[in-house]
């Protein structure tokens, strides 16, 4: 039975049209995420995860890409927008190759080869962070600075880098790890973001940890 037999209103596309529709869905999602952080009617935020969760996405390919990006954020806490833009760029390049006559199967095989090479490179390139009794504070600062700069403007991210690292080390216990519930964020009215300060409570041992006044 044909698709139209199941649903007379169904839109039937040939394989080429369907392929380009899926590519356009990826490119369209990429264009939307590029707007994140700018003034617009959609959302004023640099958090791609927030935007993706609030969008009403209909295209199955775009939904799959959005779920991949959200899963990235759930695991690492960042990279949502980068994931979508990266996939969109891959689709743009794929469309060029397809228009020149390359079979999609060849592109898929190429992606698999690139993935394996990337994972091999990351295994060699990655630097382990040894916490121990005396953690490497400089490495922790690099991690914090890199993460903060994806959400904040550079000057504020650099200012908060020391604050974040010191806050984490303040509540860290070598045997038990880090209890983030011991961090309290207090929003101070009539203050600027650059006025943010770290206050480490002297009552840490009875359960009162550091506070971020912002």
C-alpha atoms as a PDB file:
ATOM      1  CA  UNK A   1       0.000   0.000   0.000  1.00  0.00           C
ATOM      2  CA  UNK A   2       1.309   3.430  -0.901  1.00  0.00           C
ATOM      3  CA  UNK A   3       1.770   6.250   1.577  1.00  0.00           C
ATOM      4  CA  UNK A   4      -1.093   8.144  -0.037  1.00  0.00           C
ATOM      5  CA  UNK A   5      -3.297   5.123   0.575  1.00  0.00           C
ATOM      6  CA  UNK A   6      -2.602   5.449   4.280  1.00  0.00           C
ATOM      7  CA  UNK A   7      -2.875   9.236   4.349  1.00  0.00           C
ATOM      8  CA  UNK A   8      -4.370  11.092   1.362  1.00  0.00           C
ATOM      9  CA  UNK A   9      -2.902  14.359   2.663  1.00  0.00           C
ATOM     10  CA  UNK A  10       0.648  13.010   2.896  1.00  0.00           C
ATOM     11  CA  UNK A  11       3.332  14.821   0.929  1.00  0.00           C
ATOM     12  CA  UNK A  12       5.371  12.352  -1.102  1.00  0.00           C
ATOM     13  CA  UNK A  13       8.904  13.352  -2.061  1.00  0.00           C
ATOM     14  CA  UNK A  14      11.417  11.547  -4.218  1.00  0.00           C
ATOM     15  CA  UNK A  15      14.687  10.554  -2.597  1.00  0.00           C
ATOM     16  CA  UNK A  16      16.574  13.593  -3.883  1.00  0.00           C
ATOM     17  CA  UNK A  17      13.970  16.047  -2.626  1.00  0.00           C
ATOM     18  CA  UNK A  18      13.783  14.259   0.725  1.00  0.00           C
ATOM     19  CA  UNK A  19      17.562  14.397   1.059  1.00  0.00           C
ATOM     20  CA  UNK A  20      17.680  18.134   0.397  1.00  0.00           C
ATOM     21  CA  UNK A  21      14.759  18.707   2.765  1.00  0.00           C
ATOM     22  CA  UNK A  22      16.682  17.016   5.576  1.00  0.00           C
ATOM     23  CA  UNK A  23      19.819  19.014   4.771  1.00  0.00           C
ATOM     24  CA  UNK A  24      17.824  22.233   4.782  1.00  0.00           C
ATOM     25  CA  UNK A  25      16.356  21.313   8.169  1.00  0.00           C
ATOM     26  CA  UNK A  26      19.867  21.006   9.606  1.00  0.00           C
ATOM     27  CA  UNK A  27      20.944  24.288   8.016  1.00  0.00           C
ATOM     28  CA  UNK A  28      17.805  26.041   9.256  1.00  0.00           C
ATOM     29  CA  UNK A  29      18.406  24.896  12.823  1.00  0.00           C
ATOM     30  CA  UNK A  30      21.993  26.098  12.504  1.00  0.00           C
ATOM     31  CA  UNK A  31      20.833  29.547  11.406  1.00  0.00           C
ATOM     32  CA  UNK A  32      18.469  29.808  14.376  1.00  0.00           C
ATOM     33  CA  UNK A  33      21.174  28.857  16.878  1.00  0.00           C
ATOM     34  CA  UNK A  34      23.505  31.480  15.380  1.00  0.00           C
ATOM     35  CA  UNK A  35      21.014  34.056  16.636  1.00  0.00           C
ATOM     36  CA  UNK A  36      21.419  32.920  20.215  1.00  0.00           C
ATOM     37  CA  UNK A  37      22.727  35.767  22.301  1.00  0.00           C
ATOM     38  CA  UNK A  38      21.518  38.511  19.954  1.00  0.00           C
ATOM     39  CA  UNK A  39      18.440  40.707  20.296  1.00  0.00           C
ATOM     40  CA  UNK A  40      15.462  39.087  18.632  1.00  0.00           C
ATOM     41  CA  UNK A  41      11.951  37.806  19.093  1.00  0.00           C
ATOM     42  CA  UNK A  42      13.083  34.260  19.816  1.00  0.00           C
ATOM     43  CA  UNK A  43      15.137  34.435  22.989  1.00  0.00           C
ATOM     44  CA  UNK A  44      17.839  36.606  24.505  1.00  0.00           C
ATOM     45  CA  UNK A  45      20.285  33.954  25.683  1.00  0.00           C
ATOM     46  CA  UNK A  46      23.591  32.304  24.875  1.00  0.00           C
ATOM     47  CA  UNK A  47      22.257  29.008  26.209  1.00  0.00           C
ATOM     48  CA  UNK A  48      21.440  26.931  23.152  1.00  0.00           C
ATOM     49  CA  UNK A  49      20.021  24.224  25.415  1.00  0.00           C
ATOM     50  CA  UNK A  50      17.347  26.611  26.672  1.00  0.00           C
ATOM     51  CA  UNK A  51      16.423  27.673  23.164  1.00  0.00           C
ATOM     52  CA  UNK A  52      16.191  24.139  21.781  1.00  0.00           C
ATOM     53  CA  UNK A  53      13.934  23.024  24.625  1.00  0.00           C
ATOM     54  CA  UNK A  54      11.534  25.918  23.996  1.00  0.00           C
ATOM     55  CA  UNK A  55      11.359  25.591  20.201  1.00  0.00           C
ATOM     56  CA  UNK A  56       8.499  23.695  18.601  1.00  0.00           C
ATOM     57  CA  UNK A  57      10.486  21.604  16.108  1.00  0.00           C
ATOM     58  CA  UNK A  58       8.491  19.530  13.603  1.00  0.00           C
ATOM     59  CA  UNK A  59      11.020  18.162  11.105  1.00  0.00           C
ATOM     60  CA  UNK A  60      12.240  14.671  12.171  1.00  0.00           C
ATOM     61  CA  UNK A  61      15.849  15.413  11.160  1.00  0.00           C
ATOM     62  CA  UNK A  62      15.874  18.700  13.078  1.00  0.00           C
ATOM     63  CA  UNK A  63      14.372  16.916  16.095  1.00  0.00           C
ATOM     64  CA  UNK A  64      17.170  14.319  15.991  1.00  0.00           C
ATOM     65  CA  UNK A  65      19.828  17.042  15.808  1.00  0.00           C
ATOM     66  CA  UNK A  66      18.214  18.940  18.686  1.00  0.00           C
ATOM     67  CA  UNK A  67      18.129  15.805  20.845  1.00  0.00           C
ATOM     68  CA  UNK A  68      21.803  15.160  20.072  1.00  0.00           C
ATOM     69  CA  UNK A  69      22.690  18.698  21.127  1.00  0.00           C
ATOM     70  CA  UNK A  70      20.639  18.498  24.331  1.00  0.00           C
ATOM     71  CA  UNK A  71      22.288  15.154  25.186  1.00  0.00           C
ATOM     72  CA  UNK A  72      25.676  16.844  24.717  1.00  0.00           C
ATOM     73  CA  UNK A  73      24.649  19.512  27.220  1.00  0.00           C
ATOM     74  CA  UNK A  74      23.277  16.963  29.684  1.00  0.00           C
ATOM     75  CA  UNK A  75      26.565  15.041  29.695  1.00  0.00           C
ATOM     76  CA  UNK A  76      29.125  17.865  29.606  1.00  0.00           C
ATOM     77  CA  UNK A  77      27.105  20.937  30.598  1.00  0.00           C
ATOM     78  CA  UNK A  78      28.013  22.832  27.429  1.00  0.00           C
ATOM     79  CA  UNK A  79      28.386  22.609  23.669  1.00  0.00           C
ATOM     80  CA  UNK A  80      24.739  22.714  22.566  1.00  0.00           C
ATOM     81  CA  UNK A  81      25.105  25.558  20.084  1.00  0.00           C
ATOM     82  CA  UNK A  82      28.477  24.267  18.852  1.00  0.00           C
ATOM     83  CA  UNK A  83      26.979  20.840  18.154  1.00  0.00           C
ATOM     84  CA  UNK A  84      24.134  22.231  16.050  1.00  0.00           C
ATOM     85  CA  UNK A  85      26.385  24.632  14.121  1.00  0.00           C
ATOM     86  CA  UNK A  86      28.925  21.860  13.491  1.00  0.00           C
ATOM     87  CA  UNK A  87      26.246  19.490  12.147  1.00  0.00           C
ATOM     88  CA  UNK A  88      24.790  22.257  10.009  1.00  0.00           C
ATOM     89  CA  UNK A  89      28.191  22.978   8.501  1.00  0.00           C
ATOM     90  CA  UNK A  90      28.717  19.286   7.740  1.00  0.00           C
ATOM     91  CA  UNK A  91      25.373  19.250   5.951  1.00  0.00           C
ATOM     92  CA  UNK A  92      26.304  22.325   3.910  1.00  0.00           C
ATOM     93  CA  UNK A  93      29.489  20.665   2.711  1.00  0.00           C
ATOM     94  CA  UNK A  94      27.623  17.409   2.072  1.00  0.00           C
ATOM     95  CA  UNK A  95      25.085  19.224  -0.086  1.00  0.00           C
ATOM     96  CA  UNK A  96      27.891  20.573  -2.281  1.00  0.00           C
ATOM     97  CA  UNK A  97      29.329  17.095  -2.760  1.00  0.00           C
ATOM     98  CA  UNK A  98      25.904  15.597  -3.528  1.00  0.00           C
ATOM     99  CA  UNK A  99      25.173  18.321  -6.075  1.00  0.00           C
ATOM    100  CA  UNK A 100      28.439  17.362  -7.783  1.00  0.00           C
ATOM    101  CA  UNK A 101      27.265  13.750  -8.043  1.00  0.00           C
ATOM    102  CA  UNK A 102      28.726  12.042  -4.969  1.00  0.00           C
ATOM    103  CA  UNK A 103      26.616   9.253  -3.459  1.00  0.00           C
ATOM    104  CA  UNK A 104      25.431   9.874   0.151  1.00  0.00           C
ATOM    105  CA  UNK A 105      26.831   6.479   1.199  1.00  0.00           C
ATOM    106  CA  UNK A 106      30.334   7.690   0.378  1.00  0.00           C
ATOM    107  CA  UNK A 107      29.780  10.742   2.590  1.00  0.00           C
ATOM    108  CA  UNK A 108      28.582   8.563   5.463  1.00  0.00           C
ATOM    109  CA  UNK A 109      31.676   6.376   5.176  1.00  0.00           C
ATOM    110  CA  UNK A 110      33.810   9.532   5.193  1.00  0.00           C
ATOM    111  CA  UNK A 111      32.119  10.764   8.364  1.00  0.00           C
ATOM    112  CA  UNK A 112      32.846   7.423  10.051  1.00  0.00           C
ATOM    113  CA  UNK A 113      36.533   7.637   9.100  1.00  0.00           C
ATOM    114  CA  UNK A 114      36.705  11.226  10.365  1.00  0.00           C
ATOM    115  CA  UNK A 115      35.018  10.229  13.625  1.00  0.00           C
ATOM    116  CA  UNK A 116      37.512   7.455  14.313  1.00  0.00           C
ATOM    117  CA  UNK A 117      40.446   9.745  13.528  1.00  0.00           C
ATOM    118  CA  UNK A 118      39.047  12.463  15.809  1.00  0.00           C
ATOM    119  CA  UNK A 119      38.579  10.065  18.723  1.00  0.00           C
ATOM    120  CA  UNK A 120      42.131   8.764  18.271  1.00  0.00           C
ATOM    121  CA  UNK A 121      43.464  12.329  18.299  1.00  0.00           C
ATOM    122  CA  UNK A 122      41.501  13.221  21.441  1.00  0.00           C
ATOM    123  CA  UNK A 123      42.842  10.171  23.255  1.00  0.00           C
ATOM    124  CA  UNK A 124      46.399  11.349  22.572  1.00  0.00           C
ATOM    125  CA  UNK A 125      45.710  15.048  23.123  1.00  0.00           C
ATOM    126  CA  UNK A 126      43.667  14.992  26.335  1.00  0.00           C
ATOM    127  CA  UNK A 127      45.302  16.055  29.593  1.00  0.00           C
ATOM    128  CA  UNK A 128      44.210  14.277  32.782  1.00  0.00           C
ATOM    129  CA  UNK A 129      43.373  16.502  35.746  1.00  0.00           C
ATOM    130  CA  UNK A 130      44.784  14.961  38.912  1.00  0.00           C
ATOM    131  CA  UNK A 131      42.891  16.296  41.914  1.00  0.00           C
ATOM    132  CA  UNK A 132      44.715  14.561  44.793  1.00  0.00           C
ATOM    133  CA  UNK A 133      45.397  16.506  47.966  1.00  0.00           C
ATOM    134  CA  UNK A 134      46.908  19.419  46.037  1.00  0.00           C
ATOM    135  CA  UNK A 135      45.010  19.872  42.729  1.00  0.00           C
ATOM    136  CA  UNK A 136      46.639  21.721  39.847  1.00  0.00           C
ATOM    137  CA  UNK A 137      44.966  25.091  40.248  1.00  0.00           C
ATOM    138  CA  UNK A 138      46.193  26.434  36.898  1.00  0.00           C
ATOM    139  CA  UNK A 139      44.545  23.596  34.974  1.00  0.00           C
ATOM    140  CA  UNK A 140      41.325  24.128  36.918  1.00  0.00           C
ATOM    141  CA  UNK A 141      41.451  27.815  35.979  1.00  0.00           C
ATOM    142  CA  UNK A 142      41.866  26.957  32.300  1.00  0.00           C
ATOM    143  CA  UNK A 143      38.844  24.647  32.456  1.00  0.00           C
ATOM    144  CA  UNK A 144      36.750  27.257  34.276  1.00  0.00           C
ATOM    145  CA  UNK A 145      37.810  30.094  31.955  1.00  0.00           C
ATOM    146  CA  UNK A 146      37.048  28.093  28.811  1.00  0.00           C
ATOM    147  CA  UNK A 147      33.599  27.172  30.096  1.00  0.00           C
ATOM    148  CA  UNK A 148      32.719  30.655  31.338  1.00  0.00           C
ATOM    149  CA  UNK A 149      33.727  32.321  28.074  1.00  0.00           C
ATOM    150  CA  UNK A 150      31.062  30.327  26.236  1.00  0.00           C
ATOM    151  CA  UNK A 151      28.369  32.028  28.340  1.00  0.00           C
ATOM    152  CA  UNK A 152      29.783  35.424  29.360  1.00  0.00           C
ATOM    153  CA  UNK A 153      31.739  38.233  27.794  1.00  0.00           C
ATOM    154  CA  UNK A 154      35.493  37.790  28.067  1.00  0.00           C
ATOM    155  CA  UNK A 155      36.316  40.320  30.821  1.00  0.00           C
ATOM    156  CA  UNK A 156      33.620  39.023  33.178  1.00  0.00           C
ATOM    157  CA  UNK A 157      34.513  35.392  32.452  1.00  0.00           C
ATOM    158  CA  UNK A 158      38.140  36.057  33.346  1.00  0.00           C
ATOM    159  CA  UNK A 159      37.102  37.831  36.544  1.00  0.00           C
ATOM    160  CA  UNK A 160      34.860  34.943  37.590  1.00  0.00           C
ATOM    161  CA  UNK A 161      37.475  32.295  36.809  1.00  0.00           C
ATOM    162  CA  UNK A 162      39.345  32.712  40.092  1.00  0.00           C
ATOM    163  CA  UNK A 163      36.075  33.048  41.994  1.00  0.00           C
ATOM    164  CA  UNK A 164      34.677  29.787  40.624  1.00  0.00           C
ATOM    165  CA  UNK A 165      37.880  27.802  41.186  1.00  0.00           C
ATOM    166  CA  UNK A 166      38.316  29.123  44.720  1.00  0.00           C
ATOM    167  CA  UNK A 167      34.676  28.384  45.521  1.00  0.00           C
ATOM    168  CA  UNK A 168      35.046  24.777  44.371  1.00  0.00           C
ATOM    169  CA  UNK A 169      38.281  24.273  46.290  1.00  0.00           C
ATOM    170  CA  UNK A 170      36.719  25.836  49.366  1.00  0.00           C
ATOM    171  CA  UNK A 171      34.072  23.117  49.630  1.00  0.00           C
ATOM    172  CA  UNK A 172      36.124  20.250  48.229  1.00  0.00           C
ATOM    173  CA  UNK A 173      36.875  17.323  50.502  1.00  0.00           C
ATOM    174  CA  UNK A 174      39.466  14.866  49.126  1.00  0.00           C
ATOM    175  CA  UNK A 175      37.605  11.848  50.461  1.00  0.00           C
ATOM    176  CA  UNK A 176      34.058  12.919  49.649  1.00  0.00           C
ATOM    177  CA  UNK A 177      34.386  15.101  46.538  1.00  0.00           C
ATOM    178  CA  UNK A 178      32.390  18.283  45.960  1.00  0.00           C
ATOM    179  CA  UNK A 179      28.941  19.080  47.316  1.00  0.00           C
ATOM    180  CA  UNK A 180      27.562  21.857  45.110  1.00  0.00           C
ATOM    181  CA  UNK A 181      24.604  22.255  47.450  1.00  0.00           C
ATOM    182  CA  UNK A 182      27.037  24.027  49.756  1.00  0.00           C
ATOM    183  CA  UNK A 183      27.291  26.930  47.300  1.00  0.00           C
ATOM    184  CA  UNK A 184      24.737  29.693  47.673  1.00  0.00           C
ATOM    185  CA  UNK A 185      24.190  32.310  44.974  1.00  0.00           C
ATOM    186  CA  UNK A 186      22.753  35.579  46.249  1.00  0.00           C
ATOM    187  CA  UNK A 187      21.576  38.233  43.787  1.00  0.00           C
ATOM    188  CA  UNK A 188      22.289  41.726  45.111  1.00  0.00           C
ATOM    189  CA  UNK A 189      20.000  44.424  43.753  1.00  0.00           C
ATOM    190  CA  UNK A 190      21.460  47.635  42.352  1.00  0.00           C
ATOM    191  CA  UNK A 191      24.797  45.922  41.723  1.00  0.00           C
ATOM    192  CA  UNK A 192      26.648  45.173  38.492  1.00  0.00           C
ATOM    193  CA  UNK A 193      27.924  41.794  37.306  1.00  0.00           C
ATOM    194  CA  UNK A 194      31.513  43.000  37.815  1.00  0.00           C
ATOM    195  CA  UNK A 195      30.717  43.515  41.511  1.00  0.00           C
ATOM    196  CA  UNK A 196      30.478  39.745  42.014  1.00  0.00           C
ATOM    197  CA  UNK A 197      32.484  38.600  45.023  1.00  0.00           C
ATOM    198  CA  UNK A 198      33.234  35.274  46.675  1.00  0.00           C
ATOM    199  CA  UNK A 199      32.578  35.041  50.403  1.00  0.00           C
ATOM    200  CA  UNK A 200      33.844  31.878  52.089  1.00  0.00           C
ATOM    201  CA  UNK A 201      31.981  31.344  55.333  1.00  0.00           C
ATOM    202  CA  UNK A 202      33.960  30.564  58.478  1.00  0.00           C
ATOM    203  CA  UNK A 203      31.117  28.200  59.372  1.00  0.00           C
ATOM    204  CA  UNK A 204      32.055  25.781  56.587  1.00  0.00           C
ATOM    205  CA  UNK A 205      32.415  22.873  59.035  1.00  0.00           C
ATOM    206  CA  UNK A 206      28.791  23.139  60.122  1.00  0.00           C
ATOM    207  CA  UNK A 207      27.460  23.117  56.593  1.00  0.00           C
ATOM    208  CA  UNK A 208      27.706  26.743  55.473  1.00  0.00           C
ATOM    209  CA  UNK A 209      29.874  26.957  52.379  1.00  0.00           C
ATOM    210  CA  UNK A 210      30.931  29.806  50.087  1.00  0.00           C
ATOM    211  CA  UNK A 211      28.521  32.362  48.715  1.00  0.00           C
ATOM    212  CA  UNK A 212      28.617  34.170  45.397  1.00  0.00           C
ATOM    213  CA  UNK A 213      27.251  37.682  45.707  1.00  0.00           C
ATOM    214  CA  UNK A 214      26.261  38.969  42.283  1.00  0.00           C
END
